[in-house]
Amino acid sequence: MVTVIHRLGSEIVELATPSGALAAAHLRAPDCAGRVVRDEGHVIALERSALAAFDTARPCNHRLA
């Protein structure tokens, strides 16, 4: 869980942990620019997280009564 911080007029968006530590800071795309701003490091971290959660075990096969 993170807190998203954006100060009015700032071009920076900050992400803070629940303890208040700054986790990341990114430049914001202008309003109505139609752009998605992605950080390559975050894309890689998301892919690693998804692959780490992957399980090759057989699916649960119990039936609902």
N, C-alpha and C. Protein backbone atom coordinates (compact mmCIF):
# COMPACT_ATOMS: atom_id res chain seq x y z
N MET A 1 0.84 -1.16 0.00
CA MET A 1 0.00 0.00 0.00
C MET A 1 0.90 1.24 0.00
N VAL A 2 0.53 2.22 -0.80
CA VAL A 2 1.27 3.48 -0.86
C VAL A 2 0.29 4.64 -0.82
N THR A 3 0.81 5.80 -0.50
CA THR A 3 0.05 7.04 -0.56
C THR A 3 0.59 7.83 -1.74
N VAL A 4 -0.31 8.32 -2.59
CA VAL A 4 0.08 9.13 -3.74
C VAL A 4 -0.03 10.59 -3.34
N ILE A 5 1.06 11.33 -3.55
CA ILE A 5 1.11 12.75 -3.16
C ILE A 5 1.35 13.58 -4.41
N HIS A 6 0.46 14.54 -4.63
CA HIS A 6 0.65 15.48 -5.74
C HIS A 6 0.28 16.86 -5.23
N ARG A 7 1.24 17.74 -5.22
CA ARG A 7 1.00 19.11 -4.77
C ARG A 7 0.51 19.95 -5.95
N LEU A 8 -0.50 20.76 -5.72
CA LEU A 8 -1.10 21.58 -6.76
C LEU A 8 -0.03 22.41 -7.46
N GLY A 9 0.01 22.31 -8.78
CA GLY A 9 0.97 23.06 -9.59
C GLY A 9 2.30 22.35 -9.80
N SER A 10 2.51 21.25 -9.09
CA SER A 10 3.76 20.51 -9.22
C SER A 10 3.70 19.56 -10.40
N GLU A 11 4.85 19.31 -11.02
CA GLU A 11 4.94 18.35 -12.11
C GLU A 11 5.41 16.99 -11.59
N ILE A 12 5.50 16.84 -10.27
CA ILE A 12 6.00 15.62 -9.66
C ILE A 12 4.89 14.91 -8.89
N VAL A 13 4.83 13.59 -9.02
CA VAL A 13 3.95 12.74 -8.22
C VAL A 13 4.86 11.89 -7.35
N GLU A 14 4.57 11.84 -6.05
CA GLU A 14 5.38 11.06 -5.13
C GLU A 14 4.56 9.90 -4.57
N LEU A 15 5.22 8.79 -4.31
CA LEU A 15 4.59 7.63 -3.68
C LEU A 15 5.31 7.40 -2.36
N ALA A 16 4.51 7.33 -1.28
CA ALA A 16 5.08 7.15 0.04
C ALA A 16 4.54 5.87 0.69
N THR A 17 5.39 5.22 1.48
CA THR A 17 4.98 4.03 2.21
C THR A 17 4.11 4.45 3.39
N PRO A 18 3.41 3.48 4.03
CA PRO A 18 2.59 3.83 5.19
C PRO A 18 3.38 4.51 6.31
N SER A 19 4.68 4.22 6.42
CA SER A 19 5.49 4.86 7.45
C SER A 19 5.91 6.28 7.06
N GLY A 20 5.62 6.67 5.81
CA GLY A 20 5.96 8.01 5.34
C GLY A 20 7.23 8.09 4.53
N ALA A 21 7.92 6.99 4.35
CA ALA A 21 9.15 6.99 3.56
C ALA A 21 8.82 7.16 2.08
N LEU A 22 9.59 7.98 1.40
CA LEU A 22 9.39 8.20 -0.03
C LEU A 22 9.85 6.97 -0.80
N ALA A 23 8.92 6.33 -1.54
CA ALA A 23 9.24 5.13 -2.31
C ALA A 23 9.63 5.46 -3.74
N ALA A 24 9.00 6.51 -4.31
CA ALA A 24 9.27 6.87 -5.70
C ALA A 24 8.77 8.28 -5.97
N ALA A 25 9.35 8.91 -6.96
CA ALA A 25 8.91 10.23 -7.42
C ALA A 25 9.02 10.24 -8.94
N HIS A 26 7.96 10.70 -9.60
CA HIS A 26 7.93 10.68 -11.06
C HIS A 26 7.39 11.99 -11.60
N LEU A 27 7.85 12.34 -12.81
CA LEU A 27 7.26 13.47 -13.52
C LEU A 27 5.87 13.09 -14.00
N ARG A 28 4.95 14.02 -13.92
CA ARG A 28 3.57 13.81 -14.36
C ARG A 28 3.43 14.24 -15.81
N ALA A 29 2.61 13.52 -16.55
CA ALA A 29 2.26 13.97 -17.91
C ALA A 29 1.28 15.12 -17.77
N PRO A 30 1.28 16.08 -18.67
CA PRO A 30 0.32 17.18 -18.60
C PRO A 30 -1.13 16.67 -18.65
N ASP A 31 -2.03 17.38 -17.99
CA ASP A 31 -3.45 17.02 -18.04
C ASP A 31 -3.92 16.93 -19.48
N CYS A 32 -4.76 15.97 -19.75
CA CYS A 32 -5.37 15.74 -21.07
C CYS A 32 -4.35 15.43 -22.17
N ALA A 33 -3.17 14.98 -21.79
CA ALA A 33 -2.14 14.67 -22.79
C ALA A 33 -2.40 13.32 -23.44
N GLY A 34 -3.25 12.50 -22.80
CA GLY A 34 -3.52 11.18 -23.35
C GLY A 34 -2.33 10.26 -23.28
N ARG A 35 -1.47 10.48 -22.30
CA ARG A 35 -0.26 9.67 -22.17
C ARG A 35 -0.30 8.85 -20.89
N VAL A 36 0.31 7.71 -20.93
CA VAL A 36 0.54 6.90 -19.74
C VAL A 36 2.04 6.94 -19.48
N VAL A 37 2.42 7.35 -18.28
CA VAL A 37 3.83 7.43 -17.94
C VAL A 37 4.19 6.18 -17.16
N ARG A 38 5.15 5.42 -17.68
CA ARG A 38 5.59 4.19 -17.03
C ARG A 38 7.08 4.23 -16.81
N ASP A 39 7.47 3.68 -15.71
CA ASP A 39 8.88 3.55 -15.39
C ASP A 39 9.29 2.11 -15.69
N GLU A 40 10.30 1.91 -16.49
CA GLU A 40 10.70 0.56 -16.88
C GLU A 40 11.02 -0.31 -15.67
N GLY A 41 11.59 0.29 -14.63
CA GLY A 41 11.89 -0.47 -13.42
C GLY A 41 10.64 -1.01 -12.77
N HIS A 42 9.55 -0.26 -12.81
CA HIS A 42 8.30 -0.73 -12.22
C HIS A 42 7.69 -1.85 -13.06
N VAL A 43 7.80 -1.76 -14.36
CA VAL A 43 7.27 -2.81 -15.24
C VAL A 43 8.01 -4.12 -14.95
N ILE A 44 9.32 -4.04 -14.82
CA ILE A 44 10.13 -5.23 -14.52
C ILE A 44 9.75 -5.80 -13.16
N ALA A 45 9.59 -4.94 -12.15
CA ALA A 45 9.22 -5.41 -10.81
C ALA A 45 7.85 -6.08 -10.83
N LEU A 46 6.90 -5.54 -11.59
CA LEU A 46 5.58 -6.14 -11.68
C LEU A 46 5.65 -7.51 -12.35
N GLU A 47 6.43 -7.62 -13.41
CA GLU A 47 6.59 -8.91 -14.08
C GLU A 47 7.21 -9.94 -13.15
N ARG A 48 8.23 -9.55 -12.40
CA ARG A 48 8.88 -10.48 -11.46
C ARG A 48 7.90 -10.93 -10.38
N SER A 49 7.10 -9.98 -9.88
CA SER A 49 6.12 -10.31 -8.85
C SER A 49 5.08 -11.29 -9.38
N ALA A 50 4.61 -11.07 -10.59
CA ALA A 50 3.61 -11.96 -11.18
C ALA A 50 4.20 -13.35 -11.41
N LEU A 51 5.43 -13.42 -11.89
CA LEU A 51 6.07 -14.71 -12.13
C LEU A 51 6.36 -15.44 -10.81
N ALA A 52 6.71 -14.70 -9.77
CA ALA A 52 6.98 -15.32 -8.47
C ALA A 52 5.71 -15.92 -7.87
N ALA A 53 4.55 -15.33 -8.19
CA ALA A 53 3.28 -15.82 -7.65
C ALA A 53 2.74 -17.00 -8.45
N PHE A 54 3.34 -17.28 -9.60
CA PHE A 54 2.88 -18.37 -10.46
C PHE A 54 3.10 -19.70 -9.76
N ASP A 55 2.14 -20.60 -9.88
CA ASP A 55 2.20 -21.89 -9.21
C ASP A 55 1.90 -22.99 -10.22
N THR A 56 2.72 -24.03 -10.22
CA THR A 56 2.49 -25.14 -11.14
C THR A 56 1.71 -26.28 -10.50
N ALA A 57 1.29 -26.09 -9.24
CA ALA A 57 0.52 -27.13 -8.56
C ALA A 57 -0.84 -27.30 -9.22
N ARG A 58 -1.42 -28.48 -9.05
CA ARG A 58 -2.74 -28.73 -9.62
C ARG A 58 -3.75 -27.81 -8.97
N PRO A 59 -4.73 -27.35 -9.71
CA PRO A 59 -5.76 -26.47 -9.14
C PRO A 59 -6.62 -27.22 -8.12
N CYS A 60 -7.18 -26.48 -7.20
CA CYS A 60 -8.09 -27.05 -6.22
C CYS A 60 -9.31 -27.58 -6.97
N ASN A 61 -9.72 -28.79 -6.69
CA ASN A 61 -10.77 -29.41 -7.47
C ASN A 61 -11.99 -29.81 -6.60
N HIS A 62 -12.17 -29.13 -5.45
CA HIS A 62 -13.33 -29.50 -4.63
C HIS A 62 -14.59 -28.88 -5.23
N ARG A 63 -15.70 -29.53 -5.03
CA ARG A 63 -16.96 -29.09 -5.62
C ARG A 63 -17.83 -28.42 -4.58
N LEU A 64 -18.53 -27.40 -5.02
CA LEU A 64 -19.48 -26.72 -4.13
C LEU A 64 -20.73 -27.56 -3.99
N ALA A 65 -21.25 -27.67 -2.78
CA ALA A 65 -22.46 -28.48 -2.55
C ALA A 65 -23.71 -27.69 -2.87
